[in-house]
Amino acid sequence: MPIDLAELDARLKVIDWRDRELAAITRQLEAAFPTLLLQIQVHVAGMSALQITRAS
């Protein structure tokens, strides 16, 4: 079966696009994580023991 170079090129472009998108998403998550973690800590610190027990 011969190799279809056009199909191979298209697949490589899709993989490249996917990798760039995943890298962008990863950067956004890494940038937002410290703020998100702080918000979670503040929220949990304001909860009663009963609320924490119910949440887990």
PDB file of N, CA and C in Angstrom:
ATOM      1  N   MET A   1       0.856  -1.175   0.000  1.00  0.00           N
ATOM      2  CA  MET A   1       0.000   0.000   0.000  1.00  0.00           C
ATOM      3  C   MET A   1       0.905   1.241   0.000  1.00  0.00           C
ATOM      4  N   PRO A   2       0.741   2.104  -0.967  1.00  0.00           N
ATOM      5  CA  PRO A   2       1.597   3.296  -1.042  1.00  0.00           C
ATOM      6  C   PRO A   2       1.238   4.312   0.041  1.00  0.00           C
ATOM      7  N   ILE A   3       2.229   5.074   0.428  1.00  0.00           N
ATOM      8  CA  ILE A   3       2.036   6.113   1.439  1.00  0.00           C
ATOM      9  C   ILE A   3       1.441   7.342   0.755  1.00  0.00           C
ATOM     10  N   ASP A   4       0.338   7.821   1.304  1.00  0.00           N
ATOM     11  CA  ASP A   4      -0.294   9.037   0.786  1.00  0.00           C
ATOM     12  C   ASP A   4       0.341  10.228   1.507  1.00  0.00           C
ATOM     13  N   LEU A   5       1.236  10.908   0.820  1.00  0.00           N
ATOM     14  CA  LEU A   5       1.965  12.014   1.444  1.00  0.00           C
ATOM     15  C   LEU A   5       1.050  13.167   1.838  1.00  0.00           C
ATOM     16  N   ALA A   6       0.011  13.411   1.086  1.00  0.00           N
ATOM     17  CA  ALA A   6      -0.924  14.491   1.418  1.00  0.00           C
ATOM     18  C   ALA A   6      -1.656  14.167   2.724  1.00  0.00           C
ATOM     19  N   GLU A   7      -2.072  12.903   2.872  1.00  0.00           N
ATOM     20  CA  GLU A   7      -2.752  12.500   4.101  1.00  0.00           C
ATOM     21  C   GLU A   7      -1.793  12.564   5.285  1.00  0.00           C
ATOM     22  N   LEU A   8      -0.589  12.112   5.086  1.00  0.00           N
ATOM     23  CA  LEU A   8       0.418  12.162   6.138  1.00  0.00           C
ATOM     24  C   LEU A   8       0.686  13.607   6.559  1.00  0.00           C
ATOM     25  N   ASP A   9       0.830  14.489   5.587  1.00  0.00           N
ATOM     26  CA  ASP A   9       1.043  15.905   5.877  1.00  0.00           C
ATOM     27  C   ASP A   9      -0.135  16.488   6.653  1.00  0.00           C
ATOM     28  N   ALA A  10      -1.355  16.148   6.251  1.00  0.00           N
ATOM     29  CA  ALA A  10      -2.545  16.644   6.946  1.00  0.00           C
ATOM     30  C   ALA A  10      -2.584  16.148   8.386  1.00  0.00           C
ATOM     31  N   ARG A  11      -2.247  14.882   8.577  1.00  0.00           N
ATOM     32  CA  ARG A  11      -2.242  14.330   9.945  1.00  0.00           C
ATOM     33  C   ARG A  11      -1.195  15.015  10.815  1.00  0.00           C
ATOM     34  N   LEU A  12      -0.023  15.256  10.241  1.00  0.00           N
ATOM     35  CA  LEU A  12       1.031  15.937  10.996  1.00  0.00           C
ATOM     36  C   LEU A  12       0.621  17.365  11.363  1.00  0.00           C
ATOM     37  N   LYS A  13      -0.076  18.035  10.464  1.00  0.00           N
ATOM     38  CA  LYS A  13      -0.555  19.392  10.758  1.00  0.00           C
ATOM     39  C   LYS A  13      -1.583  19.374  11.880  1.00  0.00           C
ATOM     40  N   VAL A  14      -2.455  18.380  11.879  1.00  0.00           N
ATOM     41  CA  VAL A  14      -3.457  18.264  12.949  1.00  0.00           C
ATOM     42  C   VAL A  14      -2.764  17.987  14.283  1.00  0.00           C
ATOM     43  N   ILE A  15      -1.779  17.113  14.275  1.00  0.00           N
ATOM     44  CA  ILE A  15      -1.039  16.812  15.504  1.00  0.00           C
ATOM     45  C   ILE A  15      -0.311  18.053  16.002  1.00  0.00           C
ATOM     46  N   ASP A  16       0.287  18.790  15.089  1.00  0.00           N
ATOM     47  CA  ASP A  16       0.958  20.046  15.449  1.00  0.00           C
ATOM     48  C   ASP A  16      -0.017  21.038  16.078  1.00  0.00           C
ATOM     49  N   TRP A  17      -1.186  21.185  15.443  1.00  0.00           N
ATOM     50  CA  TRP A  17      -2.218  22.091  15.957  1.00  0.00           C
ATOM     51  C   TRP A  17      -2.655  21.644  17.347  1.00  0.00           C
ATOM     52  N   ARG A  18      -2.891  20.341  17.517  1.00  0.00           N
ATOM     53  CA  ARG A  18      -3.321  19.809  18.819  1.00  0.00           C
ATOM     54  C   ARG A  18      -2.270  20.092  19.886  1.00  0.00           C
ATOM     55  N   ASP A  19      -1.013  19.876  19.555  1.00  0.00           N
ATOM     56  CA  ASP A  19       0.065  20.110  20.516  1.00  0.00           C
ATOM     57  C   ASP A  19       0.136  21.583  20.927  1.00  0.00           C
ATOM     58  N   ARG A  20      -0.048  22.484  19.962  1.00  0.00           N
ATOM     59  CA  ARG A  20      -0.029  23.918  20.281  1.00  0.00           C
ATOM     60  C   ARG A  20      -1.215  24.291  21.175  1.00  0.00           C
ATOM     61  N   GLU A  21      -2.381  23.744  20.884  1.00  0.00           N
ATOM     62  CA  GLU A  21      -3.566  24.023  21.699  1.00  0.00           C
ATOM     63  C   GLU A  21      -3.392  23.488  23.120  1.00  0.00           C
ATOM     64  N   LEU A  22      -2.883  22.269  23.244  1.00  0.00           N
ATOM     65  CA  LEU A  22      -2.671  21.695  24.575  1.00  0.00           C
ATOM     66  C   LEU A  22      -1.632  22.482  25.363  1.00  0.00           C
ATOM     67  N   ALA A  23      -0.605  22.961  24.689  1.00  0.00           N
ATOM     68  CA  ALA A  23       0.408  23.774  25.355  1.00  0.00           C
ATOM     69  C   ALA A  23      -0.202  25.085  25.852  1.00  0.00           C
ATOM     70  N   ALA A  24      -1.068  25.691  25.042  1.00  0.00           N
ATOM     71  CA  ALA A  24      -1.719  26.942  25.447  1.00  0.00           C
ATOM     72  C   ALA A  24      -2.638  26.704  26.644  1.00  0.00           C
ATOM     73  N   ILE A  25      -3.376  25.617  26.625  1.00  0.00           N
ATOM     74  CA  ILE A  25      -4.269  25.286  27.741  1.00  0.00           C
ATOM     75  C   ILE A  25      -3.450  25.038  29.006  1.00  0.00           C
ATOM     76  N   THR A  26      -2.344  24.323  28.871  1.00  0.00           N
ATOM     77  CA  THR A  26      -1.475  24.049  30.016  1.00  0.00           C
ATOM     78  C   THR A  26      -0.935  25.343  30.610  1.00  0.00           C
ATOM     79  N   ARG A  27      -0.502  26.263  29.752  1.00  0.00           N
ATOM     80  CA  ARG A  27       0.003  27.555  30.250  1.00  0.00           C
ATOM     81  C   ARG A  27      -1.089  28.315  31.006  1.00  0.00           C
ATOM     82  N   GLN A  28      -2.312  28.294  30.481  1.00  0.00           N
ATOM     83  CA  GLN A  28      -3.421  28.988  31.151  1.00  0.00           C
ATOM     84  C   GLN A  28      -3.699  28.364  32.513  1.00  0.00           C
ATOM     85  N   LEU A  29      -3.718  27.042  32.578  1.00  0.00           N
ATOM     86  CA  LEU A  29      -3.969  26.368  33.854  1.00  0.00           C
ATOM     87  C   LEU A  29      -2.858  26.637  34.859  1.00  0.00           C
ATOM     88  N   GLU A  30      -1.613  26.582  34.393  1.00  0.00           N
ATOM     89  CA  GLU A  30      -0.492  26.847  35.298  1.00  0.00           C
ATOM     90  C   GLU A  30      -0.517  28.288  35.807  1.00  0.00           C
ATOM     91  N   ALA A  31      -0.933  29.222  34.968  1.00  0.00           N
ATOM     92  CA  ALA A  31      -1.006  30.619  35.390  1.00  0.00           C
ATOM     93  C   ALA A  31      -2.137  30.841  36.387  1.00  0.00           C
ATOM     94  N   ALA A  32      -3.243  30.120  36.218  1.00  0.00           N
ATOM     95  CA  ALA A  32      -4.409  30.313  37.079  1.00  0.00           C
ATOM     96  C   ALA A  32      -4.329  29.516  38.374  1.00  0.00           C
ATOM     97  N   PHE A  33      -3.486  28.493  38.412  1.00  0.00           N
ATOM     98  CA  PHE A  33      -3.481  27.577  39.555  1.00  0.00           C
ATOM     99  C   PHE A  33      -3.203  28.247  40.902  1.00  0.00           C
ATOM    100  N   PRO A  34      -2.198  29.120  41.031  1.00  0.00           N
ATOM    101  CA  PRO A  34      -1.950  29.729  42.344  1.00  0.00           C
ATOM    102  C   PRO A  34      -3.163  30.497  42.881  1.00  0.00           C
ATOM    103  N   THR A  35      -3.832  31.241  42.024  1.00  0.00           N
ATOM    104  CA  THR A  35      -5.023  31.987  42.446  1.00  0.00           C
ATOM    105  C   THR A  35      -6.145  31.038  42.828  1.00  0.00           C
ATOM    106  N   LEU A  36      -6.331  30.009  42.023  1.00  0.00           N
ATOM    107  CA  LEU A  36      -7.367  29.024  42.320  1.00  0.00           C
ATOM    108  C   LEU A  36      -7.099  28.330  43.649  1.00  0.00           C
ATOM    109  N   LEU A  37      -5.864  27.944  43.876  1.00  0.00           N
ATOM    110  CA  LEU A  37      -5.507  27.289  45.136  1.00  0.00           C
ATOM    111  C   LEU A  37      -5.775  28.203  46.326  1.00  0.00           C
ATOM    112  N   LEU A  38      -5.412  29.464  46.205  1.00  0.00           N
ATOM    113  CA  LEU A  38      -5.658  30.421  47.282  1.00  0.00           C
ATOM    114  C   LEU A  38      -7.155  30.582  47.533  1.00  0.00           C
ATOM    115  N   GLN A  39      -7.944  30.667  46.480  1.00  0.00           N
ATOM    116  CA  GLN A  39      -9.395  30.793  46.635  1.00  0.00           C
ATOM    117  C   GLN A  39      -9.983  29.574  47.338  1.00  0.00           C
ATOM    118  N   ILE A  40      -9.485  28.393  46.999  1.00  0.00           N
ATOM    119  CA  ILE A  40      -9.957  27.166  47.661  1.00  0.00           C
ATOM    120  C   ILE A  40      -9.587  27.195  49.142  1.00  0.00           C
ATOM    121  N   GLN A  41      -8.352  27.587  49.443  1.00  0.00           N
ATOM    122  CA  GLN A  41      -7.912  27.634  50.834  1.00  0.00           C
ATOM    123  C   GLN A  41      -8.746  28.621  51.643  1.00  0.00           C
ATOM    124  N   VAL A  42      -9.026  29.789  51.082  1.00  0.00           N
ATOM    125  CA  VAL A  42      -9.845  30.792  51.771  1.00  0.00           C
ATOM    126  C   VAL A  42     -11.258  30.255  51.984  1.00  0.00           C
ATOM    127  N   HIS A  43     -11.803  29.613  50.954  1.00  0.00           N
ATOM    128  CA  HIS A  43     -13.157  29.068  51.061  1.00  0.00           C
ATOM    129  C   HIS A  43     -13.231  27.990  52.135  1.00  0.00           C
ATOM    130  N   VAL A  44     -12.278  27.069  52.133  1.00  0.00           N
ATOM    131  CA  VAL A  44     -12.284  25.980  53.119  1.00  0.00           C
ATOM    132  C   VAL A  44     -12.054  26.528  54.520  1.00  0.00           C
ATOM    133  N   ALA A  45     -11.197  27.531  54.647  1.00  0.00           N
ATOM    134  CA  ALA A  45     -10.940  28.113  55.967  1.00  0.00           C
ATOM    135  C   ALA A  45     -12.204  28.740  56.554  1.00  0.00           C
ATOM    136  N   GLY A  46     -13.103  29.189  55.705  1.00  0.00           N
ATOM    137  CA  GLY A  46     -14.336  29.804  56.180  1.00  0.00           C
ATOM    138  C   GLY A  46     -15.465  28.814  56.425  1.00  0.00           C
ATOM    139  N   MET A  47     -15.219  27.551  56.162  1.00  0.00           N
ATOM    140  CA  MET A  47     -16.261  26.540  56.342  1.00  0.00           C
ATOM    141  C   MET A  47     -16.228  25.974  57.760  1.00  0.00           C
ATOM    142  N   SER A  48     -17.393  25.564  58.224  1.00  0.00           N
ATOM    143  CA  SER A  48     -17.459  24.893  59.528  1.00  0.00           C
ATOM    144  C   SER A  48     -17.026  23.438  59.358  1.00  0.00           C
ATOM    145  N   ALA A  49     -16.749  22.789  60.472  1.00  0.00           N
ATOM    146  CA  ALA A  49     -16.353  21.379  60.433  1.00  0.00           C
ATOM    147  C   ALA A  49     -17.459  20.531  59.811  1.00  0.00           C
ATOM    148  N   LEU A  50     -18.702  20.885  60.088  1.00  0.00           N
ATOM    149  CA  LEU A  50     -19.843  20.140  59.534  1.00  0.00           C
ATOM    150  C   LEU A  50     -19.884  20.301  58.004  1.00  0.00           C
ATOM    151  N   GLN A  51     -19.674  21.518  57.514  1.00  0.00           N
ATOM    152  CA  GLN A  51     -19.670  21.759  56.078  1.00  0.00           C
ATOM    153  C   GLN A  51     -18.543  20.984  55.395  1.00  0.00           C
ATOM    154  N   ILE A  52     -17.391  20.972  56.020  1.00  0.00           N
ATOM    155  CA  ILE A  52     -16.248  20.242  55.458  1.00  0.00           C
ATOM    156  C   ILE A  52     -16.535  18.759  55.421  1.00  0.00           C
ATOM    157  N   THR A  53     -17.142  18.240  56.496  1.00  0.00           N
ATOM    158  CA  THR A  53     -17.477  16.818  56.551  1.00  0.00           C
ATOM    159  C   THR A  53     -18.474  16.475  55.460  1.00  0.00           C
ATOM    160  N   ARG A  54     -19.488  17.299  55.270  1.00  0.00           N
ATOM    161  CA  ARG A  54     -20.486  17.048  54.233  1.00  0.00           C
ATOM    162  C   ARG A  54     -19.895  17.138  52.820  1.00  0.00           C
ATOM    163  N   ALA A  55     -18.901  17.991  52.653  1.00  0.00           N
ATOM    164  CA  ALA A  55     -18.307  18.200  51.324  1.00  0.00           C
ATOM    165  C   ALA A  55     -17.395  17.046  50.922  1.00  0.00           C
ATOM    166  N   SER A  56     -16.911  16.290  51.896  1.00  0.00           N
ATOM    167  CA  SER A  56     -15.967  15.218  51.542  1.00  0.00           C
ATOM    168  C   SER A  56     -16.634  13.882  51.384  1.00  0.00           C
TER     169      SER A  56
END
